[in-house]
Amino acid sequence: MKQITLTIEGMHYEMCESHICGCIRKALPSSKKVKANHHRKTAVFLVDDDVDVSVASDMISKEGYHVLKKEEEPYVKKGIFSFLKK
């Protein structure tokens, strides 16, 4: 699994957040934990390693928002007691 963070310009309200999340879910139906934040201007979600994320970026751009940056990093699931495993 990968965690994707998109930096998006053009989100101003909570409704923009839900619109962005809807675009991501529609473009990548296998995405998980989709969250957007208009204050931070980001959208964060999880995908499988073999998924093309540019599909979501293109759909977001077609809706009038601007994807400025895309960051990918491996996702490591953290359990409730993960702090004990140090």
Protein backbone atom coordinates (compact mmCIF):
# COMPACT_ATOMS: atom_id res chain seq x y z
CA MET A 1 0.00 0.00 0.00
CA LYS A 2 1.05 3.59 -0.66
CA GLN A 3 -0.03 6.79 1.02
CA ILE A 4 -0.60 9.57 -1.49
CA THR A 5 -0.61 13.24 -0.52
CA LEU A 6 -1.82 15.75 -3.10
CA THR A 7 -1.31 19.47 -2.63
CA ILE A 8 -4.34 21.13 -4.20
CA GLU A 9 -5.00 24.79 -4.89
CA GLY A 10 -8.56 26.06 -5.07
CA MET A 11 -10.18 24.45 -2.02
CA HIS A 12 -11.83 27.13 0.13
CA TYR A 13 -14.66 25.46 2.05
CA GLU A 14 -15.70 22.13 3.58
CA MET A 15 -17.81 21.43 0.52
CA CYS A 16 -14.65 21.60 -1.60
CA GLU A 17 -13.16 18.90 0.64
CA SER A 18 -16.07 16.55 0.03
CA HIS A 19 -15.97 17.32 -3.70
CA ILE A 20 -12.26 16.42 -3.86
CA CYS A 21 -12.85 13.22 -1.86
CA GLY A 22 -15.66 12.28 -4.24
CA CYS A 23 -13.39 12.82 -7.26
CA ILE A 24 -10.71 10.60 -5.75
CA ARG A 25 -13.18 7.84 -4.87
CA LYS A 26 -14.72 7.97 -8.34
CA ALA A 27 -11.35 7.93 -10.15
CA LEU A 28 -9.82 5.28 -7.86
CA PRO A 29 -12.59 3.08 -6.43
CA SER A 30 -10.03 0.98 -4.51
CA SER A 31 -8.74 4.02 -2.57
CA LYS A 32 -9.07 3.96 1.21
CA LYS A 33 -9.08 6.51 4.05
CA VAL A 34 -9.68 9.44 1.71
CA LYS A 35 -9.42 12.77 3.54
CA ALA A 36 -9.11 16.35 2.33
CA ASN A 37 -8.33 19.50 4.28
CA HIS A 38 -8.95 22.94 2.78
CA HIS A 39 -6.85 24.69 5.44
CA ARG A 40 -3.77 22.61 4.62
CA LYS A 41 -4.74 22.43 0.92
CA THR A 42 -4.12 18.68 0.89
CA ALA A 43 -5.84 15.41 0.13
CA VAL A 44 -4.45 12.20 1.64
CA PHE A 45 -5.49 8.65 0.72
CA LEU A 46 -4.25 5.08 0.46
CA VAL A 47 -3.98 3.00 -2.70
CA ASP A 48 -2.52 -0.33 -3.77
CA ASP A 49 1.00 -0.23 -5.18
CA ASP A 50 -0.07 -0.90 -8.78
CA VAL A 51 -2.62 1.94 -9.10
CA ASP A 52 -2.03 4.92 -11.43
CA VAL A 53 -2.66 8.00 -9.27
CA SER A 54 -2.50 10.42 -12.19
CA VAL A 55 -6.10 9.42 -13.03
CA ALA A 56 -7.27 11.10 -9.80
CA SER A 57 -5.08 14.16 -10.43
CA ASP A 58 -6.55 14.55 -13.92
CA MET A 59 -10.13 14.28 -12.63
CA ILE A 60 -9.46 16.86 -9.91
CA SER A 61 -7.94 19.23 -12.49
CA LYS A 62 -10.98 18.81 -14.76
CA GLU A 63 -13.20 19.95 -11.85
CA GLY A 64 -11.35 23.29 -11.68
CA TYR A 65 -8.83 22.64 -8.90
CA HIS A 66 -5.07 22.66 -9.43
CA VAL A 67 -2.93 19.77 -8.24
CA LEU A 68 0.39 21.40 -7.39
CA LYS A 69 2.32 18.48 -5.97
CA LYS A 70 2.02 14.72 -5.52
CA GLU A 71 3.91 12.80 -2.84
CA GLU A 72 3.98 9.02 -2.52
CA GLU A 73 5.31 7.08 0.45
CA PRO A 74 4.93 3.52 1.68
CA TYR A 75 2.09 3.06 4.14
CA VAL A 76 2.83 1.25 7.37
CA LYS A 77 -0.23 0.30 9.36
CA LYS A 78 -0.01 1.40 12.98
CA GLY A 79 -1.85 -0.60 15.60
CA ILE A 80 -3.26 0.58 18.89
CA PHE A 81 -0.21 -0.63 20.82
CA SER A 82 2.44 0.25 18.22
CA PHE A 83 4.17 2.56 20.68
CA LEU A 84 5.18 -0.51 22.70
CA LYS A 85 7.15 -2.05 19.81
CA LYS A 86 10.16 0.26 20.03
